[in-house]
Amino acid sequence: MSIKTYKDLNVFREAYQLALDISKVTKLFPGHKQYELAKQLRRAARSIPVNIVEGWAKRASAVEFKRYLQISIGSCEECKLLLDMSRMKDI
């Protein structure tokens, strides 16, 4: 299969689905976690596919494309931390 658009990238499709899933899950957070933690988690999750798309748009430069993919990886790590924090009872 040839890759003609960012939508053909498996990583984009998975990141996009993750952002949708996180949006749904965070709506179930208790009230005290709803504002700050859920909002930050949704933002970080949306950042992953957004940066993949932005990097795709600049793919003529391998350096720029790589930079945006690295930003996406950073957002993935941020999501992991925030998901761990969401499981803590005292936050």
Protein backbone atom coordinates (compact mmCIF):
# COMPACT_ATOMS: atom_id res chain seq x y z
CA MET A 1 0.00 0.00 0.00
CA SER A 2 1.43 3.37 -0.94
CA ILE A 3 1.29 6.28 1.44
CA LYS A 4 -0.35 9.26 -0.23
CA THR A 5 -1.63 11.17 2.76
CA TYR A 6 -1.05 11.26 6.51
CA LYS A 7 -4.29 9.31 6.86
CA ASP A 8 -2.48 6.33 5.33
CA LEU A 9 -0.01 6.27 8.23
CA ASN A 10 -0.86 3.65 10.85
CA VAL A 11 0.70 5.83 13.52
CA PHE A 12 -1.68 8.66 12.62
CA ARG A 13 -4.75 6.41 12.69
CA GLU A 14 -3.79 4.98 16.08
CA ALA A 15 -2.99 8.42 17.51
CA TYR A 16 -6.28 9.80 16.24
CA GLN A 17 -8.22 6.91 17.81
CA LEU A 18 -6.31 7.38 21.07
CA ALA A 19 -7.32 11.05 21.16
CA LEU A 20 -10.98 10.08 20.65
CA ASP A 21 -10.78 7.37 23.33
CA ILE A 22 -9.12 9.69 25.85
CA SER A 23 -11.79 12.29 25.21
CA LYS A 24 -14.49 9.73 26.06
CA VAL A 25 -12.70 8.33 29.11
CA THR A 26 -11.92 11.70 30.66
CA LYS A 27 -15.62 12.56 30.66
CA LEU A 28 -15.98 9.80 33.27
CA PHE A 29 -13.39 11.32 35.62
CA PRO A 30 -14.72 12.44 39.00
CA GLY A 31 -15.44 16.15 39.38
CA HIS A 32 -12.20 17.05 41.15
CA LYS A 33 -10.12 15.53 38.31
CA GLN A 34 -12.37 16.79 35.55
CA TYR A 35 -11.06 20.30 35.23
CA GLU A 36 -7.28 20.31 35.32
CA LEU A 37 -6.18 16.70 34.85
CA ALA A 38 -8.78 15.73 32.25
CA LYS A 39 -8.33 18.95 30.32
CA GLN A 40 -4.55 18.56 30.21
CA LEU A 41 -4.83 14.89 29.22
CA ARG A 42 -7.21 15.70 26.34
CA ARG A 43 -4.85 18.43 25.14
CA ALA A 44 -1.82 16.13 25.24
CA ALA A 45 -3.71 13.35 23.44
CA ARG A 46 -4.86 15.70 20.67
CA SER A 47 -1.32 16.96 20.28
CA ILE A 48 -0.12 13.54 19.11
CA PRO A 49 -2.05 13.31 15.80
CA VAL A 50 -1.86 17.08 15.28
CA ASN A 51 1.94 17.01 15.32
CA ILE A 52 2.03 13.99 13.02
CA VAL A 53 -0.08 15.93 10.51
CA GLU A 54 2.02 19.06 10.86
CA GLY A 55 5.19 17.02 10.36
CA TRP A 56 3.65 15.35 7.32
CA ALA A 57 3.01 18.76 5.81
CA LYS A 58 6.72 19.53 6.21
CA ARG A 59 7.99 16.10 5.14
CA ALA A 60 10.04 17.60 2.28
CA SER A 61 12.54 18.24 5.07
CA ALA A 62 13.37 14.99 6.87
CA VAL A 63 14.74 17.03 9.79
CA GLU A 64 11.46 18.93 10.22
CA PHE A 65 9.34 15.78 9.86
CA LYS A 66 11.46 14.03 12.50
CA ARG A 67 11.17 17.03 14.84
CA TYR A 68 7.37 16.90 14.74
CA LEU A 69 7.37 13.15 15.27
CA GLN A 70 9.59 13.68 18.31
CA ILE A 71 7.11 16.22 19.66
CA SER A 72 4.38 13.59 19.19
CA ILE A 73 6.46 11.10 21.17
CA GLY A 74 6.80 13.67 23.93
CA SER A 75 3.02 14.09 23.99
CA CYS A 76 2.65 10.30 24.25
CA GLU A 77 4.88 10.30 27.31
CA GLU A 78 2.89 13.17 28.78
CA CYS A 79 -0.30 11.13 28.31
CA LYS A 80 1.26 8.15 30.06
CA LEU A 81 2.17 10.27 33.07
CA LEU A 82 -1.23 11.94 33.21
CA LEU A 83 -3.00 8.57 32.96
CA ASP A 84 -0.86 7.30 35.85
CA MET A 85 -1.73 10.42 37.84
CA SER A 86 -5.43 9.96 37.10
CA ARG A 87 -5.29 6.59 38.87
CA MET A 88 -3.94 8.17 42.07
CA LYS A 89 -6.56 8.67 44.74
CA ASP A 90 -5.07 11.82 46.27
CA ILE A 91 -4.86 13.87 43.07
